[in-house]
Amino acid sequence: VLFGTWVIGNWSVCTLLDGEGTMKNICIYSSYALVPYI
């Protein structure tokens, strides 16, 4: 749930801020960043 809200929230916000990332890329990049924490 938290990861899903992060992806959706970031996509929603960055769409308004002219971000170039798609929801798919945000999901992939964010998940890769979680590896050290895991």
PDB file of all heavy atoms in Angstrom:
ATOM      1  N   VAL A   1       0.830  -1.212   0.000  1.00  0.00           N
ATOM      2  CA  VAL A   1       0.000   0.000   0.000  1.00  0.00           C
ATOM      3  C   VAL A   1       0.860   1.257   0.000  1.00  0.00           C
ATOM      4  O   VAL A   1       0.634   2.188  -0.791  1.00  0.00           O
ATOM      5  CB  VAL A   1      -0.973  -0.006   1.201  1.00  0.00           C
ATOM      6  CG1 VAL A   1      -1.735   1.316   1.269  1.00  0.00           C
ATOM      7  CG2 VAL A   1      -1.948  -1.168   1.091  1.00  0.00           C
ATOM      8  N   LEU A   2       1.876   1.293   0.878  1.00  0.00           N
ATOM      9  CA  LEU A   2       2.732   2.478   0.935  1.00  0.00           C
ATOM     10  C   LEU A   2       3.499   2.678  -0.367  1.00  0.00           C
ATOM     11  O   LEU A   2       3.629   3.801  -0.854  1.00  0.00           O
ATOM     12  CB  LEU A   2       3.710   2.351   2.103  1.00  0.00           C
ATOM     13  CG  LEU A   2       3.178   2.719   3.484  1.00  0.00           C
ATOM     14  CD1 LEU A   2       4.272   2.594   4.534  1.00  0.00           C
ATOM     15  CD2 LEU A   2       2.594   4.128   3.498  1.00  0.00           C
ATOM     16  N   PHE A   3       3.990   1.589  -0.932  1.00  0.00           N
ATOM     17  CA  PHE A   3       4.717   1.707  -2.201  1.00  0.00           C
ATOM     18  C   PHE A   3       3.780   2.158  -3.314  1.00  0.00           C
ATOM     19  O   PHE A   3       4.146   2.994  -4.145  1.00  0.00           O
ATOM     20  CB  PHE A   3       5.368   0.374  -2.568  1.00  0.00           C
ATOM     21  CG  PHE A   3       6.202   0.442  -3.810  1.00  0.00           C
ATOM     22  CD1 PHE A   3       7.477   0.992  -3.782  1.00  0.00           C
ATOM     23  CD2 PHE A   3       5.717  -0.031  -5.022  1.00  0.00           C
ATOM     24  CE1 PHE A   3       8.250   1.069  -4.937  1.00  0.00           C
ATOM     25  CE2 PHE A   3       6.472   0.038  -6.180  1.00  0.00           C
ATOM     26  CZ  PHE A   3       7.748   0.591  -6.132  1.00  0.00           C
ATOM     27  N   GLY A   4       2.579   1.616  -3.329  1.00  0.00           N
ATOM     28  CA  GLY A   4       1.612   2.015  -4.346  1.00  0.00           C
ATOM     29  C   GLY A   4       1.236   3.481  -4.248  1.00  0.00           C
ATOM     30  O   GLY A   4       1.150   4.182  -5.266  1.00  0.00           O
ATOM     31  N   THR A   5       1.034   3.972  -3.024  1.00  0.00           N
ATOM     32  CA  THR A   5       0.700   5.391  -2.851  1.00  0.00           C
ATOM     33  C   THR A   5       1.887   6.280  -3.222  1.00  0.00           C
ATOM     34  O   THR A   5       1.705   7.384  -3.738  1.00  0.00           O
ATOM     35  CB  THR A   5       0.270   5.683  -1.403  1.00  0.00           C
ATOM     36  OG1 THR A   5       1.290   5.230  -0.494  1.00  0.00           O
ATOM     37  CG2 THR A   5      -1.042   4.997  -1.079  1.00  0.00           C
ATOM     38  N   TRP A   6       3.115   5.794  -2.973  1.00  0.00           N
ATOM     39  CA  TRP A   6       4.299   6.558  -3.382  1.00  0.00           C
ATOM     40  C   TRP A   6       4.347   6.710  -4.900  1.00  0.00           C
ATOM     41  O   TRP A   6       4.566   7.806  -5.412  1.00  0.00           O
ATOM     42  CB  TRP A   6       5.568   5.874  -2.882  1.00  0.00           C
ATOM     43  CG  TRP A   6       6.815   6.385  -3.540  1.00  0.00           C
ATOM     44  CD1 TRP A   6       7.439   5.874  -4.639  1.00  0.00           C
ATOM     45  CD2 TRP A   6       7.582   7.545  -3.159  1.00  0.00           C
ATOM     46  NE1 TRP A   6       8.544   6.619  -4.958  1.00  0.00           N
ATOM     47  CE2 TRP A   6       8.654   7.654  -4.086  1.00  0.00           C
ATOM     48  CE3 TRP A   6       7.460   8.485  -2.148  1.00  0.00           C
ATOM     49  CZ2 TRP A   6       9.597   8.668  -3.997  1.00  0.00           C
ATOM     50  CZ3 TRP A   6       8.410   9.508  -2.068  1.00  0.00           C
ATOM     51  CH2 TRP A   6       9.449   9.596  -2.976  1.00  0.00           C
ATOM     52  N   VAL A   7       4.133   5.614  -5.605  1.00  0.00           N
ATOM     53  CA  VAL A   7       4.202   5.645  -7.067  1.00  0.00           C
ATOM     54  C   VAL A   7       3.100   6.539  -7.633  1.00  0.00           C
ATOM     55  O   VAL A   7       3.353   7.408  -8.481  1.00  0.00           O
ATOM     56  CB  VAL A   7       4.089   4.224  -7.650  1.00  0.00           C
ATOM     57  CG1 VAL A   7       3.974   4.266  -9.171  1.00  0.00           C
ATOM     58  CG2 VAL A   7       5.301   3.384  -7.241  1.00  0.00           C
ATOM     59  N   ILE A   8       1.870   6.327  -7.174  1.00  0.00           N
ATOM     60  CA  ILE A   8       0.743   7.121  -7.679  1.00  0.00           C
ATOM     61  C   ILE A   8       0.901   8.591  -7.307  1.00  0.00           C
ATOM     62  O   ILE A   8       0.661   9.488  -8.120  1.00  0.00           O
ATOM     63  CB  ILE A   8      -0.583   6.562  -7.145  1.00  0.00           C
ATOM     64  CG1 ILE A   8      -0.809   5.144  -7.671  1.00  0.00           C
ATOM     65  CG2 ILE A   8      -1.756   7.462  -7.547  1.00  0.00           C
ATOM     66  CD1 ILE A   8      -2.018   4.448  -7.066  1.00  0.00           C
ATOM     67  N   GLY A   9       1.310   8.836  -6.050  1.00  0.00           N
ATOM     68  CA  GLY A   9       1.483  10.212  -5.590  1.00  0.00           C
ATOM     69  C   GLY A   9       2.572  10.935  -6.363  1.00  0.00           C
ATOM     70  O   GLY A   9       2.401  12.086  -6.766  1.00  0.00           O
ATOM     71  N   ASN A  10       3.695  10.254  -6.582  1.00  0.00           N
ATOM     72  CA  ASN A  10       4.793  10.883  -7.314  1.00  0.00           C
ATOM     73  C   ASN A  10       4.415  11.137  -8.769  1.00  0.00           C
ATOM     74  O   ASN A  10       4.741  12.198  -9.321  1.00  0.00           O
ATOM     75  CB  ASN A  10       6.038  10.001  -7.237  1.00  0.00           C
ATOM     76  CG  ASN A  10       7.253  10.646  -7.872  1.00  0.00           C
ATOM     77  OD1 ASN A  10       7.638  10.320  -8.992  1.00  0.00           O
ATOM     78  ND2 ASN A  10       7.855  11.585  -7.168  1.00  0.00           N
ATOM     79  N   TRP A  11       3.733  10.182  -9.369  1.00  0.00           N
ATOM     80  CA  TRP A  11       3.301  10.377 -10.753  1.00  0.00           C
ATOM     81  C   TRP A  11       2.322  11.550 -10.858  1.00  0.00           C
ATOM     82  O   TRP A  11       2.422  12.369 -11.783  1.00  0.00           O
ATOM     83  CB  TRP A  11       2.651   9.103 -11.273  1.00  0.00           C
ATOM     84  CG  TRP A  11       2.068   9.240 -12.648  1.00  0.00           C
ATOM     85  CD1 TRP A  11       2.741   9.233 -13.832  1.00  0.00           C
ATOM     86  CD2 TRP A  11       0.692   9.455 -12.971  1.00  0.00           C
ATOM     87  NE1 TRP A  11       1.867   9.409 -14.883  1.00  0.00           N
ATOM     88  CE2 TRP A  11       0.600   9.545 -14.382  1.00  0.00           C
ATOM     89  CE3 TRP A  11      -0.467   9.549 -12.206  1.00  0.00           C
ATOM     90  CZ2 TRP A  11      -0.611   9.754 -15.023  1.00  0.00           C
ATOM     91  CZ3 TRP A  11      -1.674   9.755 -12.850  1.00  0.00           C
ATOM     92  CH2 TRP A  11      -1.735   9.851 -14.241  1.00  0.00           C
ATOM     93  N   SER A  12       1.387  11.636  -9.914  1.00  0.00           N
ATOM     94  CA  SER A  12       0.397  12.719  -9.936  1.00  0.00           C
ATOM     95  C   SER A  12       1.062  14.078  -9.763  1.00  0.00           C
ATOM     96  O   SER A  12       0.766  15.033 -10.496  1.00  0.00           O
ATOM     97  CB  SER A  12      -0.640  12.503  -8.823  1.00  0.00           C
ATOM     98  OG  SER A  12      -1.279  11.260  -8.962  1.00  0.00           O
ATOM     99  N   VAL A  13       1.961  14.168  -8.790  1.00  0.00           N
ATOM    100  CA  VAL A  13       2.631  15.442  -8.506  1.00  0.00           C
ATOM    101  C   VAL A  13       3.540  15.850  -9.660  1.00  0.00           C
ATOM    102  O   VAL A  13       3.526  16.997 -10.118  1.00  0.00           O
ATOM    103  CB  VAL A  13       3.434  15.343  -7.195  1.00  0.00           C
ATOM    104  CG1 VAL A  13       4.376  16.529  -7.043  1.00  0.00           C
ATOM    105  CG2 VAL A  13       2.487  15.265  -6.002  1.00  0.00           C
ATOM    106  N   CYS A  14       4.342  14.905 -10.131  1.00  0.00           N
ATOM    107  CA  CYS A  14       5.334  15.235 -11.149  1.00  0.00           C
ATOM    108  C   CYS A  14       4.714  15.458 -12.527  1.00  0.00           C
ATOM    109  O   CYS A  14       5.340  16.071 -13.397  1.00  0.00           O
ATOM    110  CB  CYS A  14       6.395  14.140 -11.217  1.00  0.00           C
ATOM    111  SG  CYS A  14       7.410  14.058  -9.715  1.00  0.00           S
ATOM    112  N   THR A  15       3.499  14.972 -12.728  1.00  0.00           N
ATOM    113  CA  THR A  15       2.781  15.323 -13.961  1.00  0.00           C
ATOM    114  C   THR A  15       2.504  16.820 -13.996  1.00  0.00           C
ATOM    115  O   THR A  15       2.617  17.464 -15.050  1.00  0.00           O
ATOM    116  CB  THR A  15       1.457  14.536 -14.050  1.00  0.00           C
ATOM    117  OG1 THR A  15       1.751  13.137 -14.111  1.00  0.00           O
ATOM    118  CG2 THR A  15       0.681  14.928 -15.306  1.00  0.00           C
ATOM    119  N   LEU A  16       2.177  17.377 -12.832  1.00  0.00           N
ATOM    120  CA  LEU A  16       1.935  18.818 -12.741  1.00  0.00           C
ATOM    121  C   LEU A  16       3.237  19.612 -12.798  1.00  0.00           C
ATOM    122  O   LEU A  16       3.225  20.790 -13.166  1.00  0.00           O
ATOM    123  CB  LEU A  16       1.197  19.139 -11.440  1.00  0.00           C
ATOM    124  CG  LEU A  16      -0.180  18.468 -11.257  1.00  0.00           C
ATOM    125  CD1 LEU A  16      -0.761  18.813  -9.896  1.00  0.00           C
ATOM    126  CD2 LEU A  16      -1.131  18.899 -12.364  1.00  0.00           C
ATOM    127  N   LEU A  17       4.347  18.962 -12.416  1.00  0.00           N
ATOM    128  CA  LEU A  17       5.644  19.646 -12.414  1.00  0.00           C
ATOM    129  C   LEU A  17       6.465  19.342 -13.668  1.00  0.00           C
ATOM    130  O   LEU A  17       7.685  19.507 -13.666  1.00  0.00           O
ATOM    131  CB  LEU A  17       6.444  19.226 -11.166  1.00  0.00           C
ATOM    132  CG  LEU A  17       5.847  19.606  -9.813  1.00  0.00           C
ATOM    133  CD1 LEU A  17       6.716  19.085  -8.674  1.00  0.00           C
ATOM    134  CD2 LEU A  17       5.672  21.113  -9.694  1.00  0.00           C
ATOM    135  N   ASP A  18       5.784  18.888 -14.718  1.00  0.00           N
ATOM    136  CA  ASP A  18       6.434  18.614 -16.002  1.00  0.00           C
ATOM    137  C   ASP A  18       7.516  17.536 -15.905  1.00  0.00           C
ATOM    138  O   ASP A  18       8.558  17.621 -16.562  1.00  0.00           O
ATOM    139  CB  ASP A  18       7.056  19.897 -16.590  1.00  0.00           C
ATOM    140  CG  ASP A  18       6.011  20.960 -16.864  1.00  0.00           C
ATOM    141  OD1 ASP A  18       4.891  20.590 -17.266  1.00  0.00           O
ATOM    142  OD2 ASP A  18       6.305  22.160 -16.652  1.00  0.00           O
ATOM    143  N   GLY A  19       7.250  16.528 -15.092  1.00  0.00           N
ATOM    144  CA  GLY A  19       8.187  15.416 -14.992  1.00  0.00           C
ATOM    145  C   GLY A  19       8.106  14.516 -16.218  1.00  0.00           C
ATOM    146  O   GLY A  19       7.051  14.364 -16.825  1.00  0.00           O
ATOM    147  N   GLU A  20       9.215  13.895 -16.566  1.00  0.00           N
ATOM    148  CA  GLU A  20       9.274  13.051 -17.761  1.00  0.00           C
ATOM    149  C   GLU A  20       9.002  11.582 -17.468  1.00  0.00           C
ATOM    150  O   GLU A  20       8.823  10.786 -18.388  1.00  0.00           O
ATOM    151  CB  GLU A  20      10.659  13.187 -18.421  1.00  0.00           C
ATOM    152  CG  GLU A  20      10.970  14.596 -18.908  1.00  0.00           C
ATOM    153  CD  GLU A  20      12.321  14.667 -19.593  1.00  0.00           C
ATOM    154  OE1 GLU A  20      12.905  13.587 -19.852  1.00  0.00           O
ATOM    155  OE2 GLU A  20      12.793  15.776 -19.872  1.00  0.00           O
ATOM    156  N   GLY A  21       8.966  11.193 -16.208  1.00  0.00           N
ATOM    157  CA  GLY A  21       8.809   9.789 -15.847  1.00  0.00           C
ATOM    158  C   GLY A  21       7.383   9.288 -15.986  1.00  0.00           C
ATOM    159  O   GLY A  21       6.432   9.983 -15.643  1.00  0.00           O
ATOM    160  N   THR A  22       7.240   8.079 -16.501  1.00  0.00           N
ATOM    161  CA  THR A  22       5.938   7.423 -16.549  1.00  0.00           C
ATOM    162  C   THR A  22       5.712   6.674 -15.243  1.00  0.00           C
ATOM    163  O   THR A  22       6.638   6.473 -14.450  1.00  0.00           O
ATOM    164  CB  THR A  22       5.872   6.437 -17.726  1.00  0.00           C
ATOM    165  OG1 THR A  22       6.850   5.401 -17.517  1.00  0.00           O
ATOM    166  CG2 THR A  22       6.153   7.145 -19.041  1.00  0.00           C
ATOM    167  N   MET A  23       4.478   6.243 -15.010  1.00  0.00           N
ATOM    168  CA  MET A  23       4.182   5.500 -13.794  1.00  0.00           C
ATOM    169  C   MET A  23       4.983   4.198 -13.739  1.00  0.00           C
ATOM    170  O   MET A  23       5.442   3.773 -12.675  1.00  0.00           O
ATOM    171  CB  MET A  23       2.681   5.202 -13.698  1.00  0.00           C
ATOM    172  CG  MET A  23       2.264   4.586 -12.364  1.00  0.00           C
ATOM    173  SD  MET A  23       0.484   4.351 -12.192  1.00  0.00           S
ATOM    174  CE  MET A  23      -0.081   6.053 -12.160  1.00  0.00           C
ATOM    175  N   LYS A  24       5.171   3.569 -14.894  1.00  0.00           N
ATOM    176  CA  LYS A  24       5.954   2.335 -14.957  1.00  0.00           C
ATOM    177  C   LYS A  24       7.396   2.588 -14.538  1.00  0.00           C
ATOM    178  O   LYS A  24       7.959   1.836 -13.722  1.00  0.00           O
ATOM    179  CB  LYS A  24       5.921   1.769 -16.386  1.00  0.00           C
ATOM    180  CG  LYS A  24       6.804   0.550 -16.578  1.00  0.00           C
ATOM    181  CD  LYS A  24       6.812   0.093 -18.029  1.00  0.00           C
ATOM    182  CE  LYS A  24       7.787  -1.069 -18.241  1.00  0.00           C
ATOM    183  NZ  LYS A  24       7.820  -1.506 -19.664  1.00  0.00           N
ATOM    184  N   ASN A  25       8.005   3.632 -15.064  1.00  0.00           N
ATOM    185  CA  ASN A  25       9.392   3.932 -14.723  1.00  0.00           C
ATOM    186  C   ASN A  25       9.546   4.341 -13.260  1.00  0.00           C
ATOM    187  O   ASN A  25      10.535   3.986 -12.610  1.00  0.00           O
ATOM    188  CB  ASN A  25       9.938   5.035 -15.635  1.00  0.00           C
ATOM    189  CG  ASN A  25      10.196   4.541 -17.038  1.00  0.00           C
ATOM    190  OD1 ASN A  25      10.336   3.348 -17.270  1.00  0.00           O
ATOM    191  ND2 ASN A  25      10.233   5.455 -17.995  1.00  0.00           N
ATOM    192  N   ILE A  26       8.587   5.094 -12.751  1.00  0.00           N
ATOM    193  CA  ILE A  26       8.629   5.474 -11.337  1.00  0.00           C
ATOM    194  C   ILE A  26       8.591   4.231 -10.454  1.00  0.00           C
ATOM    195  O   ILE A  26       9.323   4.120  -9.468  1.00  0.00           O
ATOM    196  CB  ILE A  26       7.459   6.415 -10.997  1.00  0.00           C
ATOM    197  CG1 ILE A  26       7.593   7.739 -11.743  1.00  0.00           C
ATOM    198  CG2 ILE A  26       7.403   6.678  -9.490  1.00  0.00           C
ATOM    199  CD1 ILE A  26       6.379   8.632 -11.637  1.00  0.00           C
ATOM    200  N   CYS A  27       7.748   3.283 -10.828  1.00  0.00           N
ATOM    201  CA  CYS A  27       7.628   2.037 -10.087  1.00  0.00           C
ATOM    202  C   CYS A  27       8.950   1.259 -10.121  1.00  0.00           C
ATOM    203  O   CYS A  27       9.429   0.784  -9.075  1.00  0.00           O
ATOM    204  CB  CYS A  27       6.495   1.194 -10.664  1.00  0.00           C
ATOM    205  SG  CYS A  27       6.280  -0.417  -9.871  1.00  0.00           S
ATOM    206  N   ILE A  28       9.541   1.146 -11.292  1.00  0.00           N
ATOM    207  CA  ILE A  28      10.792   0.383 -11.437  1.00  0.00           C
ATOM    208  C   ILE A  28      11.932   1.057 -10.684  1.00  0.00           C
ATOM    209  O   ILE A  28      12.638   0.425  -9.885  1.00  0.00           O
ATOM    210  CB  ILE A  28      11.144   0.224 -12.928  1.00  0.00           C
ATOM    211  CG1 ILE A  28      10.112  -0.663 -13.630  1.00  0.00           C
ATOM    212  CG2 ILE A  28      12.545  -0.360 -13.084  1.00  0.00           C
ATOM    213  CD1 ILE A  28      10.286  -0.743 -15.128  1.00  0.00           C
ATOM    214  N   TYR A  29      12.126   2.342 -10.912  1.00  0.00           N
ATOM    215  CA  TYR A  29      13.247   3.055 -10.303  1.00  0.00           C
ATOM    216  C   TYR A  29      13.113   3.070  -8.784  1.00  0.00           C
ATOM    217  O   TYR A  29      14.099   2.869  -8.056  1.00  0.00           O
ATOM    218  CB  TYR A  29      13.313   4.489 -10.831  1.00  0.00           C
ATOM    219  CG  TYR A  29      13.831   4.630 -12.241  1.00  0.00           C
ATOM    220  CD1 TYR A  29      13.472   3.728 -13.236  1.00  0.00           C
ATOM    221  CD2 TYR A  29      14.679   5.658 -12.602  1.00  0.00           C
ATOM    222  CE1 TYR A  29      13.931   3.856 -14.540  1.00  0.00           C
ATOM    223  CE2 TYR A  29      15.157   5.801 -13.895  1.00  0.00           C
ATOM    224  CZ  TYR A  29      14.763   4.889 -14.862  1.00  0.00           C
ATOM    225  OH  TYR A  29      15.218   5.018 -16.145  1.00  0.00           O
ATOM    226  N   SER A  30      11.906   3.314  -8.281  1.00  0.00           N
ATOM    227  CA  SER A  30      11.688   3.388  -6.829  1.00  0.00           C
ATOM    228  C   SER A  30      11.916   2.038  -6.166  1.00  0.00           C
ATOM    229  O   SER A  30      12.463   1.963  -5.063  1.00  0.00           O
ATOM    230  CB  SER A  30      10.277   3.899  -6.528  1.00  0.00           C
ATOM    231  OG  SER A  30      10.075   5.203  -7.049  1.00  0.00           O
ATOM    232  N   SER A  31      11.473   0.976  -6.817  1.00  0.00           N
ATOM    233  CA  SER A  31      11.647  -0.357  -6.239  1.00  0.00           C
ATOM    234  C   SER A  31      13.122  -0.747  -6.183  1.00  0.00           C
ATOM    235  O   SER A  31      13.584  -1.343  -5.193  1.00  0.00           O
ATOM    236  CB  SER A  31      10.860  -1.397  -7.044  1.00  0.00           C
ATOM    237  OG  SER A  31      11.369  -1.510  -8.363  1.00  0.00           O
ATOM    238  N   TYR A  32      13.886  -0.412  -7.218  1.00  0.00           N
ATOM    239  CA  TYR A  32      15.323  -0.713  -7.215  1.00  0.00           C
ATOM    240  C   TYR A  32      16.016   0.001  -6.051  1.00  0.00           C
ATOM    241  O   TYR A  32      16.966  -0.529  -5.461  1.00  0.00           O
ATOM    242  CB  TYR A  32      15.967  -0.283  -8.526  1.00  0.00           C
ATOM    243  CG  TYR A  32      15.668  -1.188  -9.703  1.00  0.00           C
ATOM    244  CD1 TYR A  32      14.633  -2.119  -9.658  1.00  0.00           C
ATOM    245  CD2 TYR A  32      16.403  -1.114 -10.885  1.00  0.00           C
ATOM    246  CE1 TYR A  32      14.351  -2.947 -10.741  1.00  0.00           C
ATOM    247  CE2 TYR A  32      16.135  -1.943 -11.970  1.00  0.00           C
ATOM    248  CZ  TYR A  32      15.099  -2.847 -11.894  1.00  0.00           C
ATOM    249  OH  TYR A  32      14.819  -3.666 -12.968  1.00  0.00           O
ATOM    250  N   ALA A  33      15.528   1.192  -5.724  1.00  0.00           N
ATOM    251  CA  ALA A  33      16.134   1.960  -4.635  1.00  0.00           C
ATOM    252  C   ALA A  33      15.884   1.327  -3.267  1.00  0.00           C
ATOM    253  O   ALA A  33      16.599   1.636  -2.303  1.00  0.00           O
ATOM    254  CB  ALA A  33      15.587   3.396  -4.651  1.00  0.00           C
ATOM    255  N   LEU A  34      14.908   0.450  -3.167  1.00  0.00           N
ATOM    256  CA  LEU A  34      14.568  -0.181  -1.889  1.00  0.00           C
ATOM    257  C   LEU A  34      15.493  -1.338  -1.519  1.00  0.00           C
ATOM    258  O   LEU A  34      15.436  -1.827  -0.382  1.00  0.00           O
ATOM    259  CB  LEU A  34      13.125  -0.700  -1.935  1.00  0.00           C
ATOM    260  CG  LEU A  34      12.019   0.338  -2.018  1.00  0.00           C
ATOM    261  CD1 LEU A  34      10.668  -0.364  -2.163  1.00  0.00           C
ATOM    262  CD2 LEU A  34      12.015   1.225  -0.785  1.00  0.00           C
ATOM    263  N   VAL A  35      16.331  -1.778  -2.437  1.00  0.00           N
ATOM    264  CA  VAL A  35      17.158  -2.971  -2.210  1.00  0.00           C
ATOM    265  C   VAL A  35      18.033  -2.866  -0.961  1.00  0.00           C
ATOM    266  O   VAL A  35      18.055  -3.797  -0.144  1.00  0.00           O
ATOM    267  CB  VAL A  35      18.006  -3.272  -3.464  1.00  0.00           C
ATOM    268  CG1 VAL A  35      19.028  -4.368  -3.167  1.00  0.00           C
ATOM    269  CG2 VAL A  35      17.100  -3.711  -4.613  1.00  0.00           C
ATOM    270  N   PRO A  36      18.785  -1.767  -0.733  1.00  0.00           N
ATOM    271  CA  PRO A  36      19.599  -1.704   0.490  1.00  0.00           C
ATOM    272  C   PRO A  36      18.766  -1.777   1.770  1.00  0.00           C
ATOM    273  O   PRO A  36      19.197  -2.392   2.757  1.00  0.00           O
ATOM    274  CB  PRO A  36      20.298  -0.340   0.377  1.00  0.00           C
ATOM    275  CG  PRO A  36      20.309  -0.037  -1.075  1.00  0.00           C
ATOM    276  CD  PRO A  36      19.022  -0.601  -1.597  1.00  0.00           C
ATOM    277  N   TYR A  37      17.584  -1.172   1.760  1.00  0.00           N
ATOM    278  CA  TYR A  37      16.723  -1.204   2.939  1.00  0.00           C
ATOM    279  C   TYR A  37      16.259  -2.633   3.226  1.00  0.00           C
ATOM    280  O   TYR A  37      16.219  -3.070   4.380  1.00  0.00           O
ATOM    281  CB  TYR A  37      15.525  -0.284   2.725  1.00  0.00           C
ATOM    282  CG  TYR A  37      14.606  -0.184   3.913  1.00  0.00           C
ATOM    283  CD1 TYR A  37      14.977   0.558   5.027  1.00  0.00           C
ATOM    284  CD2 TYR A  37      13.366  -0.818   3.922  1.00  0.00           C
ATOM    285  CE1 TYR A  37      14.143   0.666   6.124  1.00  0.00           C
ATOM    286  CE2 TYR A  37      12.528  -0.725   5.016  1.00  0.00           C
ATOM    287  CZ  TYR A  37      12.923   0.021   6.113  1.00  0.00           C
ATOM    288  OH  TYR A  37      12.089   0.110   7.213  1.00  0.00           O
ATOM    289  N   ILE A  38      15.921  -3.361   2.174  1.00  0.00           N
ATOM    290  CA  ILE A  38      15.498  -4.758   2.331  1.00  0.00           C
ATOM    291  C   ILE A  38      16.655  -5.614   2.832  1.00  0.00           C
ATOM    292  O   ILE A  38      16.493  -6.439   3.741  1.00  0.00           O
ATOM    293  CB  ILE A  38      14.955  -5.300   0.998  1.00  0.00           C
ATOM    294  CG1 ILE A  38      13.699  -4.539   0.583  1.00  0.00           C
ATOM    295  CG2 ILE A  38      14.659  -6.790   1.099  1.00  0.00           C
ATOM    296  CD1 ILE A  38      13.212  -4.864  -0.817  1.00  0.00           C
TER     297      ILE A  38
END
